[in-house]
Amino acid sequence: MAIDPGDPPAPYLSFWRERHLCTLTTLRPDGTPHVVPVGVTYDPEAGLARVLANKSSRKVAHVLAASGLDGGGARVAVCQVDGRRWATLEGRAVVSAEAGRVAEGERRYEERYGRVPRVNPDRVVIEIRVDRALGKAGPGAGA
């Protein structure tokens, strides 16, 4: 089911505020998907989903490689599932090492996951400009 990513219904937004492990899908240079577990935060007001990462990770390398192709960012998806409830956010991702943007990612991670991320001087934030949202997150969500 399509969701307005800038104005998601309350159950969908609530689902993105619960503590869930998510996945991030990036594309390798050969076009095959690379799917890894991550923590994700969703900020519909800013139109962003955020993923904290180490600057030397494969996911960061994939985003950087694809971002350089047209300058618009790499096409990615983040997803979470809990029983019959599921939610996917898609968009263009960029990587930032800017201290303020990383700190905002850390703040939102702590808010969602209930713990401060470990200290990592090599941390960056993958910011996904969300342009598509899908899912079934309300009561009685079916397959």
N, C-alpha and C. Protein backbone atom coordinates (compact mmCIF):
# COMPACT_ATOMS: atom_id res chain seq x y z
N MET A 1 0.84 -1.18 0.00
CA MET A 1 0.00 0.00 0.00
C MET A 1 0.89 1.24 0.00
N ALA A 2 0.63 2.19 -0.90
CA ALA A 2 1.39 3.43 -0.97
C ALA A 2 1.01 4.36 0.18
N ILE A 3 2.01 5.03 0.72
CA ILE A 3 1.87 5.95 1.84
C ILE A 3 2.44 7.30 1.40
N ASP A 4 1.83 8.40 1.83
CA ASP A 4 2.41 9.73 1.57
C ASP A 4 3.61 9.88 2.51
N PRO A 5 4.86 9.90 1.98
CA PRO A 5 6.02 9.94 2.87
C PRO A 5 6.15 11.23 3.67
N GLY A 6 5.54 12.31 3.20
CA GLY A 6 5.59 13.57 3.93
C GLY A 6 4.50 13.72 4.97
N ASP A 7 3.48 12.88 4.88
CA ASP A 7 2.35 12.94 5.81
C ASP A 7 1.82 11.52 6.06
N PRO A 8 2.67 10.69 6.68
CA PRO A 8 2.25 9.29 6.88
C PRO A 8 1.14 9.20 7.92
N PRO A 9 0.27 8.20 7.79
CA PRO A 9 -0.76 8.02 8.81
C PRO A 9 -0.12 7.66 10.16
N ALA A 10 -0.83 7.97 11.22
CA ALA A 10 -0.29 7.78 12.58
C ALA A 10 0.22 6.36 12.84
N PRO A 11 -0.50 5.28 12.46
CA PRO A 11 0.02 3.94 12.73
C PRO A 11 1.35 3.66 12.01
N TYR A 12 1.51 4.19 10.81
CA TYR A 12 2.74 4.00 10.04
C TYR A 12 3.90 4.71 10.73
N LEU A 13 3.67 5.96 11.11
CA LEU A 13 4.71 6.73 11.80
C LEU A 13 5.04 6.10 13.15
N SER A 14 4.04 5.65 13.85
CA SER A 14 4.26 4.98 15.13
C SER A 14 5.13 3.74 14.96
N PHE A 15 4.88 2.98 13.90
CA PHE A 15 5.67 1.79 13.61
C PHE A 15 7.14 2.16 13.41
N TRP A 16 7.41 3.29 12.76
CA TRP A 16 8.78 3.74 12.54
C TRP A 16 9.41 4.29 13.81
N ARG A 17 8.63 4.49 14.85
CA ARG A 17 9.19 4.97 16.13
C ARG A 17 9.45 3.83 17.11
N GLU A 18 8.86 2.67 16.83
CA GLU A 18 9.11 1.49 17.67
C GLU A 18 10.53 0.99 17.41
N ARG A 19 11.03 0.22 18.37
CA ARG A 19 12.39 -0.32 18.24
C ARG A 19 12.34 -1.57 17.37
N HIS A 20 12.83 -1.45 16.13
CA HIS A 20 12.90 -2.58 15.20
C HIS A 20 14.23 -2.56 14.47
N LEU A 21 14.78 -3.74 14.26
CA LEU A 21 15.93 -3.86 13.38
C LEU A 21 15.40 -3.72 11.95
N CYS A 22 16.17 -3.05 11.13
CA CYS A 22 15.75 -2.79 9.76
C CYS A 22 16.79 -3.35 8.79
N THR A 23 16.52 -3.22 7.52
CA THR A 23 17.52 -3.54 6.50
C THR A 23 17.69 -2.34 5.58
N LEU A 24 18.89 -2.21 5.06
CA LEU A 24 19.21 -1.21 4.05
C LEU A 24 19.63 -1.97 2.80
N THR A 25 19.02 -1.64 1.68
CA THR A 25 19.40 -2.23 0.41
C THR A 25 20.08 -1.17 -0.44
N THR A 26 21.33 -1.45 -0.81
CA THR A 26 22.09 -0.61 -1.75
C THR A 26 22.41 -1.49 -2.95
N LEU A 27 22.92 -0.87 -3.99
CA LEU A 27 23.30 -1.64 -5.18
C LEU A 27 24.82 -1.65 -5.34
N ARG A 28 25.35 -2.84 -5.56
CA ARG A 28 26.77 -2.99 -5.86
C ARG A 28 27.04 -2.41 -7.26
N PRO A 29 28.30 -2.17 -7.57
CA PRO A 29 28.62 -1.64 -8.91
C PRO A 29 28.11 -2.52 -10.06
N ASP A 30 27.96 -3.83 -9.81
CA ASP A 30 27.46 -4.71 -10.88
C ASP A 30 25.93 -4.76 -10.92
N GLY A 31 25.26 -3.95 -10.05
CA GLY A 31 23.81 -3.86 -10.06
C GLY A 31 23.10 -4.84 -9.15
N THR A 32 23.83 -5.74 -8.50
CA THR A 32 23.20 -6.70 -7.59
C THR A 32 22.93 -6.05 -6.24
N PRO A 33 21.86 -6.47 -5.56
CA PRO A 33 21.52 -5.85 -4.28
C PRO A 33 22.44 -6.31 -3.15
N HIS A 34 22.73 -5.39 -2.26
CA HIS A 34 23.50 -5.64 -1.04
C HIS A 34 22.57 -5.25 0.10
N VAL A 35 22.17 -6.21 0.91
CA VAL A 35 21.19 -5.98 1.98
C VAL A 35 21.86 -6.25 3.32
N VAL A 36 21.81 -5.27 4.21
CA VAL A 36 22.45 -5.40 5.52
C VAL A 36 21.51 -4.92 6.62
N PRO A 37 21.64 -5.50 7.83
CA PRO A 37 20.85 -5.01 8.95
C PRO A 37 21.38 -3.67 9.46
N VAL A 38 20.47 -2.78 9.79
CA VAL A 38 20.84 -1.44 10.26
C VAL A 38 19.76 -0.93 11.21
N GLY A 39 20.08 0.13 11.91
CA GLY A 39 19.10 0.92 12.62
C GLY A 39 18.72 2.09 11.72
N VAL A 40 17.45 2.43 11.66
CA VAL A 40 16.97 3.51 10.80
C VAL A 40 16.08 4.44 11.60
N THR A 41 16.21 5.72 11.35
CA THR A 41 15.26 6.68 11.91
C THR A 41 14.57 7.39 10.75
N TYR A 42 13.33 7.78 10.98
CA TYR A 42 12.51 8.39 9.94
C TYR A 42 12.02 9.74 10.44
N ASP A 43 12.28 10.76 9.66
CA ASP A 43 11.90 12.13 9.98
C ASP A 43 11.06 12.67 8.83
N PRO A 44 9.73 12.41 8.85
CA PRO A 44 8.91 12.83 7.72
C PRO A 44 8.87 14.35 7.53
N GLU A 45 9.04 15.11 8.61
CA GLU A 45 9.04 16.57 8.48
C GLU A 45 10.20 17.05 7.60
N ALA A 46 11.36 16.42 7.75
CA ALA A 46 12.52 16.77 6.93
C ALA A 46 12.56 15.95 5.65
N GLY A 47 11.72 14.93 5.56
CA GLY A 47 11.73 14.06 4.40
C GLY A 47 12.92 13.12 4.35
N LEU A 48 13.47 12.79 5.54
CA LEU A 48 14.69 11.99 5.60
C LEU A 48 14.55 10.73 6.44
N ALA A 49 15.22 9.69 5.99
CA ALA A 49 15.52 8.54 6.82
C ALA A 49 17.03 8.58 7.02
N ARG A 50 17.49 8.17 8.20
CA ARG A 50 18.92 8.24 8.49
C ARG A 50 19.43 6.89 8.98
N VAL A 51 20.65 6.58 8.54
CA VAL A 51 21.34 5.36 8.95
C VAL A 51 22.75 5.75 9.36
N LEU A 52 23.15 5.39 10.58
CA LEU A 52 24.52 5.62 11.01
C LEU A 52 25.41 4.51 10.44
N ALA A 53 26.63 4.85 10.07
CA ALA A 53 27.52 3.86 9.48
C ALA A 53 28.97 4.25 9.69
N ASN A 54 29.85 3.29 9.52
CA ASN A 54 31.28 3.54 9.52
C ASN A 54 31.67 3.96 8.11
N LYS A 55 32.52 4.95 8.01
CA LYS A 55 32.86 5.48 6.68
C LYS A 55 33.53 4.45 5.78
N SER A 56 34.09 3.38 6.35
CA SER A 56 34.75 2.36 5.52
C SER A 56 33.85 1.16 5.20
N SER A 57 32.56 1.24 5.54
CA SER A 57 31.64 0.11 5.30
C SER A 57 31.31 -0.02 3.81
N ARG A 58 30.91 -1.21 3.43
CA ARG A 58 30.50 -1.46 2.04
C ARG A 58 29.27 -0.64 1.69
N LYS A 59 28.33 -0.53 2.61
CA LYS A 59 27.11 0.24 2.30
C LYS A 59 27.46 1.68 1.95
N VAL A 60 28.40 2.26 2.69
CA VAL A 60 28.83 3.63 2.39
C VAL A 60 29.53 3.68 1.04
N ALA A 61 30.39 2.70 0.77
CA ALA A 61 31.08 2.66 -0.53
C ALA A 61 30.08 2.56 -1.68
N HIS A 62 29.04 1.76 -1.50
CA HIS A 62 28.03 1.62 -2.56
C HIS A 62 27.30 2.94 -2.80
N VAL A 63 26.92 3.62 -1.71
CA VAL A 63 26.21 4.90 -1.85
C VAL A 63 27.12 5.92 -2.53
N LEU A 64 28.37 5.99 -2.08
CA LEU A 64 29.30 6.96 -2.68
C LEU A 64 29.54 6.66 -4.16
N ALA A 65 29.71 5.40 -4.51
CA ALA A 65 29.96 5.04 -5.91
C ALA A 65 28.77 5.41 -6.79
N ALA A 66 27.57 5.11 -6.33
CA ALA A 66 26.38 5.40 -7.12
C ALA A 66 26.05 6.88 -7.13
N SER A 67 26.38 7.59 -6.06
CA SER A 67 26.09 9.03 -5.98
C SER A 67 26.89 9.80 -7.01
N GLY A 68 28.10 9.32 -7.28
CA GLY A 68 28.96 10.02 -8.22
C GLY A 68 28.52 9.90 -9.66
N LEU A 69 27.62 8.97 -9.95
CA LEU A 69 27.20 8.76 -11.32
C LEU A 69 26.42 9.93 -11.88
N ASP A 70 25.51 10.48 -11.09
CA ASP A 70 24.72 11.62 -11.58
C ASP A 70 24.62 12.75 -10.57
N GLY A 71 25.27 12.58 -9.41
CA GLY A 71 25.26 13.62 -8.39
C GLY A 71 23.98 13.70 -7.59
N GLY A 72 22.98 12.90 -7.94
CA GLY A 72 21.70 12.97 -7.26
C GLY A 72 21.55 12.03 -6.08
N GLY A 73 22.56 11.26 -5.80
CA GLY A 73 22.48 10.30 -4.71
C GLY A 73 22.18 8.91 -5.24
N ALA A 74 22.41 7.93 -4.40
CA ALA A 74 22.20 6.53 -4.75
C ALA A 74 20.78 6.12 -4.42
N ARG A 75 20.16 5.37 -5.29
CA ARG A 75 18.81 4.85 -5.03
C ARG A 75 18.93 3.70 -4.02
N VAL A 76 18.21 3.80 -2.88
CA VAL A 76 18.26 2.79 -1.83
C VAL A 76 16.87 2.57 -1.25
N ALA A 77 16.77 1.53 -0.42
CA ALA A 77 15.53 1.27 0.31
C ALA A 77 15.88 0.80 1.71
N VAL A 78 15.07 1.19 2.68
CA VAL A 78 15.15 0.66 4.04
C VAL A 78 13.81 0.03 4.34
N CYS A 79 13.85 -1.05 5.11
CA CYS A 79 12.63 -1.81 5.36
C CYS A 79 12.66 -2.36 6.78
N GLN A 80 11.48 -2.53 7.33
CA GLN A 80 11.33 -3.23 8.61
C GLN A 80 10.06 -4.05 8.56
N VAL A 81 10.05 -5.14 9.34
CA VAL A 81 8.89 -6.03 9.37
C VAL A 81 8.72 -6.53 10.79
N ASP A 82 7.47 -6.68 11.17
CA ASP A 82 7.13 -7.23 12.48
C ASP A 82 5.81 -7.97 12.31
N GLY A 83 5.90 -9.30 12.17
CA GLY A 83 4.70 -10.07 11.90
C GLY A 83 4.08 -9.65 10.59
N ARG A 84 2.81 -9.25 10.64
CA ARG A 84 2.11 -8.82 9.42
C ARG A 84 2.32 -7.35 9.10
N ARG A 85 2.96 -6.63 10.01
CA ARG A 85 3.23 -5.21 9.76
C ARG A 85 4.57 -5.08 9.03
N TRP A 86 4.60 -4.19 8.05
CA TRP A 86 5.84 -3.94 7.34
C TRP A 86 5.84 -2.51 6.83
N ALA A 87 7.04 -1.99 6.59
CA ALA A 87 7.18 -0.63 6.09
C ALA A 87 8.48 -0.51 5.31
N THR A 88 8.40 0.15 4.17
CA THR A 88 9.57 0.40 3.34
C THR A 88 9.61 1.88 2.99
N LEU A 89 10.81 2.44 3.06
CA LEU A 89 11.07 3.81 2.62
C LEU A 89 12.11 3.74 1.51
N GLU A 90 11.85 4.44 0.42
CA GLU A 90 12.77 4.46 -0.71
C GLU A 90 13.16 5.90 -1.00
N GLY A 91 14.34 6.07 -1.57
CA GLY A 91 14.76 7.40 -1.96
C GLY A 91 16.21 7.44 -2.38
N ARG A 92 16.71 8.66 -2.51
CA ARG A 92 18.10 8.91 -2.91
C ARG A 92 18.92 9.15 -1.65
N ALA A 93 20.04 8.43 -1.55
CA ALA A 93 20.89 8.51 -0.37
C ALA A 93 22.20 9.25 -0.68
N VAL A 94 22.64 10.01 0.31
CA VAL A 94 23.96 10.64 0.27
C VAL A 94 24.63 10.34 1.60
N VAL A 95 25.94 10.45 1.62
CA VAL A 95 26.73 10.22 2.83
C VAL A 95 27.26 11.55 3.31
N SER A 96 27.17 11.78 4.63
CA SER A 96 27.71 13.01 5.21
C SER A 96 28.55 12.69 6.44
N ALA A 97 29.71 13.36 6.51
CA ALA A 97 30.56 13.29 7.70
C ALA A 97 30.47 14.59 8.49
N GLU A 98 29.59 15.50 8.05
CA GLU A 98 29.43 16.79 8.73
C GLU A 98 28.98 16.55 10.17
N ALA A 99 29.69 17.12 11.12
CA ALA A 99 29.47 16.86 12.55
C ALA A 99 28.02 17.08 12.97
N GLY A 100 27.41 18.15 12.53
CA GLY A 100 26.03 18.43 12.92
C GLY A 100 25.04 17.42 12.39
N ARG A 101 25.26 16.95 11.19
CA ARG A 101 24.36 15.97 10.59
C ARG A 101 24.55 14.59 11.23
N VAL A 102 25.79 14.25 11.53
CA VAL A 102 26.05 12.99 12.24
C VAL A 102 25.43 13.04 13.64
N ALA A 103 25.60 14.17 14.33
CA ALA A 103 25.03 14.32 15.67
C ALA A 103 23.50 14.20 15.65
N GLU A 104 22.87 14.75 14.62
CA GLU A 104 21.41 14.63 14.50
C GLU A 104 21.02 13.17 14.29
N GLY A 105 21.78 12.47 13.48
CA GLY A 105 21.53 11.04 13.29
C GLY A 105 21.69 10.27 14.60
N GLU A 106 22.71 10.59 15.37
CA GLU A 106 22.94 9.94 16.66
C GLU A 106 21.81 10.25 17.64
N ARG A 107 21.37 11.51 17.67
CA ARG A 107 20.28 11.90 18.57
C ARG A 107 19.01 11.13 18.25
N ARG A 108 18.69 11.05 16.99
CA ARG A 108 17.48 10.34 16.59
C ARG A 108 17.61 8.84 16.82
N TYR A 109 18.80 8.28 16.64
CA TYR A 109 19.03 6.87 16.92
C TYR A 109 18.79 6.60 18.42
N GLU A 110 19.35 7.44 19.26
CA GLU A 110 19.15 7.27 20.71
C GLU A 110 17.67 7.36 21.07
N GLU A 111 16.96 8.28 20.44
CA GLU A 111 15.53 8.45 20.70
C GLU A 111 14.75 7.19 20.30
N ARG A 112 15.04 6.62 19.16
CA ARG A 112 14.30 5.44 18.70
C ARG A 112 14.74 4.16 19.39
N TYR A 113 16.04 3.96 19.54
CA TYR A 113 16.56 2.68 20.01
C TYR A 113 16.89 2.66 21.51
N GLY A 114 16.75 3.80 22.18
CA GLY A 114 16.90 3.84 23.63
C GLY A 114 18.32 3.66 24.13
N ARG A 115 19.29 3.90 23.27
CA ARG A 115 20.68 3.83 23.72
C ARG A 115 21.54 4.77 22.89
N VAL A 116 22.59 5.26 23.53
CA VAL A 116 23.53 6.14 22.86
C VAL A 116 24.43 5.27 21.97
N PRO A 117 24.61 5.64 20.71
CA PRO A 117 25.52 4.86 19.87
C PRO A 117 26.95 4.92 20.45
N ARG A 118 27.68 3.81 20.30
CA ARG A 118 29.05 3.80 20.81
C ARG A 118 29.87 4.88 20.11
N VAL A 119 30.90 5.34 20.76
CA VAL A 119 31.77 6.35 20.18
C VAL A 119 32.46 5.76 18.96
N ASN A 120 32.45 6.51 17.85
CA ASN A 120 33.08 6.06 16.62
C ASN A 120 33.56 7.28 15.84
N PRO A 121 34.85 7.58 15.88
CA PRO A 121 35.36 8.75 15.16
C PRO A 121 35.23 8.62 13.64
N ASP A 122 34.97 7.42 13.14
CA ASP A 122 34.81 7.20 11.70
C ASP A 122 33.35 7.14 11.28
N ARG A 123 32.46 7.60 12.17
CA ARG A 123 31.02 7.54 11.87
C ARG A 123 30.63 8.59 10.84
N VAL A 124 29.75 8.17 9.96
CA VAL A 124 29.08 9.06 9.00
C VAL A 124 27.59 8.77 9.10
N VAL A 125 26.81 9.59 8.45
CA VAL A 125 25.37 9.33 8.38
C VAL A 125 24.96 9.23 6.92
N ILE A 126 24.20 8.19 6.64
CA ILE A 126 23.58 8.06 5.32
C ILE A 126 22.21 8.70 5.44
N GLU A 127 21.99 9.74 4.66
CA GLU A 127 20.70 10.44 4.67
C GLU A 127 19.95 10.08 3.38
N ILE A 128 18.76 9.59 3.58
CA ILE A 128 17.93 9.17 2.45
C ILE A 128 16.79 10.17 2.28
N ARG A 129 16.77 10.85 1.15
CA ARG A 129 15.68 11.77 0.82
C ARG A 129 14.51 10.89 0.35
N VAL A 130 13.55 10.69 1.24
CA VAL A 130 12.47 9.73 0.99
C VAL A 130 11.49 10.28 -0.05
N ASP A 131 11.27 9.49 -1.10
CA ASP A 131 10.30 9.89 -2.12
C ASP A 131 9.21 8.83 -2.33
N ARG A 132 9.34 7.71 -1.65
CA ARG A 132 8.31 6.68 -1.74
C ARG A 132 8.24 5.94 -0.42
N ALA A 133 7.02 5.69 0.04
CA ALA A 133 6.80 4.92 1.26
C ALA A 133 5.71 3.89 0.98
N LEU A 134 5.95 2.69 1.46
CA LEU A 134 5.00 1.60 1.27
C LEU A 134 4.85 0.88 2.60
N GLY A 135 3.74 0.19 2.78
CA GLY A 135 3.63 -0.65 3.95
C GLY A 135 2.22 -0.87 4.41
N LYS A 136 2.13 -1.73 5.41
CA LYS A 136 0.89 -2.01 6.13
C LYS A 136 1.26 -2.07 7.60
N ALA A 137 0.93 -1.03 8.31
CA ALA A 137 1.37 -0.93 9.69
C ALA A 137 0.23 -0.72 10.67
N GLY A 138 -0.98 -0.67 10.20
CA GLY A 138 -2.10 -0.43 11.09
C GLY A 138 -2.62 -1.69 11.75
N PRO A 139 -3.60 -1.54 12.62
CA PRO A 139 -4.21 -2.71 13.26
C PRO A 139 -4.76 -3.66 12.21
N GLY A 140 -4.53 -4.94 12.40
CA GLY A 140 -5.04 -5.94 11.48
C GLY A 140 -4.34 -5.95 10.13
N ALA A 141 -3.12 -5.40 10.09
CA ALA A 141 -2.38 -5.36 8.82
C ALA A 141 -2.28 -6.76 8.25
N GLY A 142 -2.65 -6.90 7.02
CA GLY A 142 -2.64 -8.21 6.37
C GLY A 142 -1.55 -8.32 5.35
N ALA A 143 -1.39 -9.50 4.87
CA ALA A 143 -0.34 -9.77 3.87
C ALA A 143 -0.78 -9.29 2.49
